[in-house]
Amino acid sequence: MLINNFFKEYGVKNFPAISPATHLSGRCRTAGRSAFFSFLQETNQRAKPATASATAFAQMPPAITWLTVAQMAVKYPAWSENSLRALIFASKDRVAAVRKGTQNIIPGNGLAAAIRRVGRRVLINEKEFLDWVDQQGIKERQARC
């Protein structure tokens, strides 16, 4: 009965009618559901995807993935939460201890572009973080040569 009402409400016409008695017994209830799902499968197979929207979707840039420190540590076990927090702390330039009236600035590690702070939550852009890791390896190799 519910399935018939659904199709009447949304104006679907080619669905086989299911009597109310069909929904009362256990065996017939599953038969009604299987008819419902087979109808949906046929409808989905008949629908053709629009080519314009498919090409527009293919041209869209990939979505940015923001992970918390804990999620990043679980996804990439090479970095623990503490090591990620240390990298985040060192990501921006900071002032060293003042000695004899001079201020020394400790340069950041360059990871600041991949980090966003939203309230107390610290988010890491996964792609930029991995790009930063790759750049670190290149810098070390070039320094050795």
Foldseek 3Di string as FASTA:
>chain_A
DVVVVVCVVVVPDPQDDDDPVLCPDDVSVVVVVVSVVVVVVVVVVPDDDDPVVVVVVVPDDDDWDKDFLCRVCVVDVVDHSVNVVVLVVQQAKDWDDDDPNDIDIDHGLPQVVQWDDDPPTIIGGVVSVVVSVVVVVVVVVVVVD
